[in-house]
Amino acid sequence: MAKEVKQELVQQAQDLHAELQVVLDALKSDLVKCASGNAAAGVRVRKDLRLLRGKVSDVIKHTVEVSEAYKVPTSSAE
């Protein structure tokens, strides 16, 4: 596999991690507020959880792409 492709895959993984971290940080803050009785924070928590679910789906797709990229082609000529 080309070095550029590996670097691109690593960069994509780092970007996905950063996006997840932003959502998790917002979620943590709003969870504390929601526990204190702030109803609007509860709405934001649910919104952030839906967003988080989408981001996790992106991570899963990326890991599949990485797995496919690292597979060694097998010869079927027997």
N, C-alpha and C. Protein backbone atom coordinates (compact mmCIF):
# COMPACT_ATOMS: atom_id res chain seq x y z
N MET A 1 0.85 -1.16 0.00
CA MET A 1 0.00 0.00 0.00
C MET A 1 0.90 1.23 0.00
N ALA A 2 0.49 2.21 -0.76
CA ALA A 2 1.27 3.43 -0.89
C ALA A 2 1.28 4.20 0.42
N LYS A 3 2.41 4.86 0.65
CA LYS A 3 2.58 5.63 1.88
C LYS A 3 1.55 6.75 1.97
N GLU A 4 1.22 7.36 0.83
CA GLU A 4 0.25 8.45 0.82
C GLU A 4 -1.13 7.97 1.23
N VAL A 5 -1.49 6.76 0.80
CA VAL A 5 -2.80 6.20 1.15
C VAL A 5 -2.87 5.94 2.66
N LYS A 6 -1.79 5.40 3.21
CA LYS A 6 -1.75 5.15 4.65
C LYS A 6 -1.87 6.45 5.43
N GLN A 7 -1.16 7.47 4.99
CA GLN A 7 -1.22 8.76 5.67
C GLN A 7 -2.63 9.35 5.60
N GLU A 8 -3.28 9.17 4.45
CA GLU A 8 -4.65 9.68 4.30
C GLU A 8 -5.60 8.94 5.24
N LEU A 9 -5.44 7.64 5.37
CA LEU A 9 -6.29 6.86 6.28
C LEU A 9 -6.08 7.28 7.73
N VAL A 10 -4.83 7.54 8.09
CA VAL A 10 -4.53 7.99 9.45
C VAL A 10 -5.13 9.36 9.69
N GLN A 11 -5.02 10.24 8.72
CA GLN A 11 -5.59 11.59 8.86
C GLN A 11 -7.11 11.53 9.00
N GLN A 12 -7.75 10.67 8.22
CA GLN A 12 -9.19 10.52 8.32
C GLN A 12 -9.58 10.01 9.70
N ALA A 13 -8.83 9.07 10.24
CA ALA A 13 -9.10 8.53 11.57
C ALA A 13 -8.94 9.62 12.62
N GLN A 14 -7.93 10.45 12.49
CA GLN A 14 -7.72 11.54 13.44
C GLN A 14 -8.85 12.56 13.36
N ASP A 15 -9.31 12.84 12.15
CA ASP A 15 -10.43 13.78 11.98
C ASP A 15 -11.71 13.23 12.62
N LEU A 16 -11.96 11.94 12.41
CA LEU A 16 -13.13 11.32 13.02
C LEU A 16 -13.05 11.36 14.54
N HIS A 17 -11.86 11.12 15.06
CA HIS A 17 -11.67 11.16 16.51
C HIS A 17 -11.95 12.57 17.05
N ALA A 18 -11.46 13.57 16.36
CA ALA A 18 -11.68 14.96 16.79
C ALA A 18 -13.17 15.30 16.77
N GLU A 19 -13.89 14.86 15.75
CA GLU A 19 -15.32 15.12 15.67
C GLU A 19 -16.06 14.43 16.81
N LEU A 20 -15.69 13.19 17.10
CA LEU A 20 -16.31 12.48 18.21
C LEU A 20 -16.05 13.19 19.54
N GLN A 21 -14.83 13.68 19.71
CA GLN A 21 -14.47 14.34 20.96
C GLN A 21 -15.29 15.61 21.17
N VAL A 22 -15.51 16.37 20.11
CA VAL A 22 -16.32 17.59 20.21
C VAL A 22 -17.74 17.26 20.66
N VAL A 23 -18.32 16.24 20.04
CA VAL A 23 -19.69 15.86 20.40
C VAL A 23 -19.74 15.36 21.84
N LEU A 24 -18.76 14.56 22.24
CA LEU A 24 -18.75 14.03 23.60
C LEU A 24 -18.58 15.14 24.64
N ASP A 25 -17.75 16.12 24.34
CA ASP A 25 -17.56 17.24 25.27
C ASP A 25 -18.86 18.03 25.45
N ALA A 26 -19.57 18.28 24.35
CA ALA A 26 -20.85 19.00 24.43
C ALA A 26 -21.87 18.16 25.20
N LEU A 27 -21.85 16.88 24.96
CA LEU A 27 -22.78 15.97 25.63
C LEU A 27 -22.55 15.96 27.13
N LYS A 28 -21.29 15.92 27.53
CA LYS A 28 -20.96 15.88 28.95
C LYS A 28 -21.47 17.13 29.66
N SER A 29 -21.23 18.28 29.07
CA SER A 29 -21.67 19.54 29.66
C SER A 29 -23.19 19.58 29.81
N ASP A 30 -23.89 19.19 28.75
CA ASP A 30 -25.35 19.23 28.80
C ASP A 30 -25.94 18.16 29.71
N LEU A 31 -25.26 17.04 29.86
CA LEU A 31 -25.73 16.01 30.79
C LEU A 31 -25.74 16.53 32.22
N VAL A 32 -24.71 17.26 32.58
CA VAL A 32 -24.63 17.83 33.92
C VAL A 32 -25.76 18.82 34.13
N LYS A 33 -26.00 19.66 33.13
CA LYS A 33 -27.09 20.64 33.23
C LYS A 33 -28.45 19.95 33.30
N CYS A 34 -28.61 18.89 32.51
CA CYS A 34 -29.88 18.15 32.49
C CYS A 34 -30.14 17.52 33.86
N ALA A 35 -29.10 16.98 34.46
CA ALA A 35 -29.24 16.37 35.78
C ALA A 35 -29.64 17.39 36.83
N SER A 36 -29.33 18.66 36.57
CA SER A 36 -29.69 19.73 37.50
C SER A 36 -31.10 20.25 37.25
N GLY A 37 -31.79 19.66 36.26
CA GLY A 37 -33.17 20.06 36.00
C GLY A 37 -33.37 20.97 34.81
N ASN A 38 -32.36 21.23 34.05
CA ASN A 38 -32.47 22.10 32.88
C ASN A 38 -33.07 21.30 31.72
N ALA A 39 -34.33 21.58 31.39
CA ALA A 39 -35.04 20.83 30.35
C ALA A 39 -34.44 21.05 28.96
N ALA A 40 -34.01 22.27 28.69
CA ALA A 40 -33.42 22.56 27.38
C ALA A 40 -32.14 21.75 27.18
N ALA A 41 -31.40 21.55 28.25
CA ALA A 41 -30.18 20.75 28.16
C ALA A 41 -30.53 19.30 27.82
N GLY A 42 -31.64 18.82 28.33
CA GLY A 42 -32.09 17.47 28.00
C GLY A 42 -32.37 17.31 26.52
N VAL A 43 -32.95 18.34 25.92
CA VAL A 43 -33.21 18.33 24.48
C VAL A 43 -31.88 18.29 23.72
N ARG A 44 -30.93 19.09 24.17
CA ARG A 44 -29.61 19.09 23.52
C ARG A 44 -28.91 17.75 23.69
N VAL A 45 -29.07 17.11 24.83
CA VAL A 45 -28.46 15.79 25.05
C VAL A 45 -29.00 14.80 24.02
N ARG A 46 -30.31 14.79 23.85
CA ARG A 46 -30.90 13.85 22.88
C ARG A 46 -30.44 14.16 21.47
N LYS A 47 -30.34 15.45 21.14
CA LYS A 47 -29.84 15.85 19.82
C LYS A 47 -28.39 15.39 19.64
N ASP A 48 -27.58 15.61 20.65
CA ASP A 48 -26.17 15.21 20.58
C ASP A 48 -26.02 13.70 20.49
N LEU A 49 -26.89 12.96 21.15
CA LEU A 49 -26.84 11.50 21.06
C LEU A 49 -27.16 11.02 19.64
N ARG A 50 -28.12 11.67 19.00
CA ARG A 50 -28.40 11.31 17.60
C ARG A 50 -27.21 11.64 16.71
N LEU A 51 -26.59 12.79 16.96
CA LEU A 51 -25.40 13.17 16.20
C LEU A 51 -24.26 12.19 16.45
N LEU A 52 -24.10 11.79 17.70
CA LEU A 52 -23.06 10.84 18.06
C LEU A 52 -23.27 9.51 17.35
N ARG A 53 -24.52 9.07 17.27
CA ARG A 53 -24.82 7.82 16.57
C ARG A 53 -24.37 7.90 15.11
N GLY A 54 -24.59 9.03 14.46
CA GLY A 54 -24.13 9.22 13.08
C GLY A 54 -22.63 9.21 12.96
N LYS A 55 -21.95 9.85 13.92
CA LYS A 55 -20.48 9.88 13.90
C LYS A 55 -19.91 8.48 14.13
N VAL A 56 -20.53 7.72 15.02
CA VAL A 56 -20.07 6.35 15.26
C VAL A 56 -20.23 5.52 14.00
N SER A 57 -21.31 5.75 13.28
CA SER A 57 -21.51 5.05 12.01
C SER A 57 -20.39 5.39 11.03
N ASP A 58 -19.97 6.65 11.02
CA ASP A 58 -18.85 7.06 10.16
C ASP A 58 -17.57 6.34 10.54
N VAL A 59 -17.34 6.17 11.84
CA VAL A 59 -16.14 5.48 12.31
C VAL A 59 -16.19 4.02 11.87
N ILE A 60 -17.34 3.40 11.98
CA ILE A 60 -17.48 2.01 11.56
C ILE A 60 -17.17 1.88 10.07
N LYS A 61 -17.72 2.77 9.27
CA LYS A 61 -17.47 2.74 7.83
C LYS A 61 -15.97 2.91 7.55
N HIS A 62 -15.34 3.81 8.28
CA HIS A 62 -13.91 4.04 8.08
C HIS A 62 -13.10 2.79 8.42
N THR A 63 -13.45 2.11 9.50
CA THR A 63 -12.69 0.92 9.87
C THR A 63 -12.86 -0.19 8.83
N VAL A 64 -14.02 -0.26 8.22
CA VAL A 64 -14.22 -1.24 7.14
C VAL A 64 -13.34 -0.87 5.95
N GLU A 65 -13.29 0.41 5.61
CA GLU A 65 -12.44 0.86 4.50
C GLU A 65 -10.97 0.54 4.78
N VAL A 66 -10.54 0.76 6.01
CA VAL A 66 -9.15 0.47 6.37
C VAL A 66 -8.88 -1.02 6.25
N SER A 67 -9.82 -1.83 6.74
CA SER A 67 -9.64 -3.28 6.65
C SER A 67 -9.52 -3.72 5.20
N GLU A 68 -10.36 -3.16 4.34
CA GLU A 68 -10.31 -3.50 2.92
C GLU A 68 -9.00 -3.03 2.29
N ALA A 69 -8.52 -1.88 2.70
CA ALA A 69 -7.29 -1.32 2.13
C ALA A 69 -6.07 -2.16 2.50
N TYR A 70 -6.09 -2.78 3.67
CA TYR A 70 -4.95 -3.55 4.14
C TYR A 70 -5.02 -5.03 3.75
N LYS A 71 -6.14 -5.45 3.17
CA LYS A 71 -6.24 -6.85 2.77
C LYS A 71 -5.25 -7.14 1.65
N VAL A 72 -4.63 -8.29 1.76
CA VAL A 72 -3.71 -8.73 0.71
C VAL A 72 -4.52 -9.53 -0.29
N PRO A 73 -4.47 -9.12 -1.54
CA PRO A 73 -5.24 -9.88 -2.53
C PRO A 73 -4.71 -11.31 -2.66
N THR A 74 -5.62 -12.24 -2.71
CA THR A 74 -5.22 -13.64 -2.87
C THR A 74 -5.44 -14.03 -4.32
N SER A 75 -4.55 -14.86 -4.80
CA SER A 75 -4.69 -15.30 -6.19
C SER A 75 -5.65 -16.47 -6.23
N SER A 76 -6.59 -16.43 -7.16
CA SER A 76 -7.57 -17.49 -7.28
C SER A 76 -7.23 -18.43 -8.42
N ALA A 77 -6.08 -18.25 -9.02
CA ALA A 77 -5.64 -19.13 -10.12
C ALA A 77 -5.03 -20.38 -9.54
N GLU A 78 -5.76 -21.47 -9.67
CA GLU A 78 -5.24 -22.74 -9.17
C GLU A 78 -5.23 -23.75 -10.26
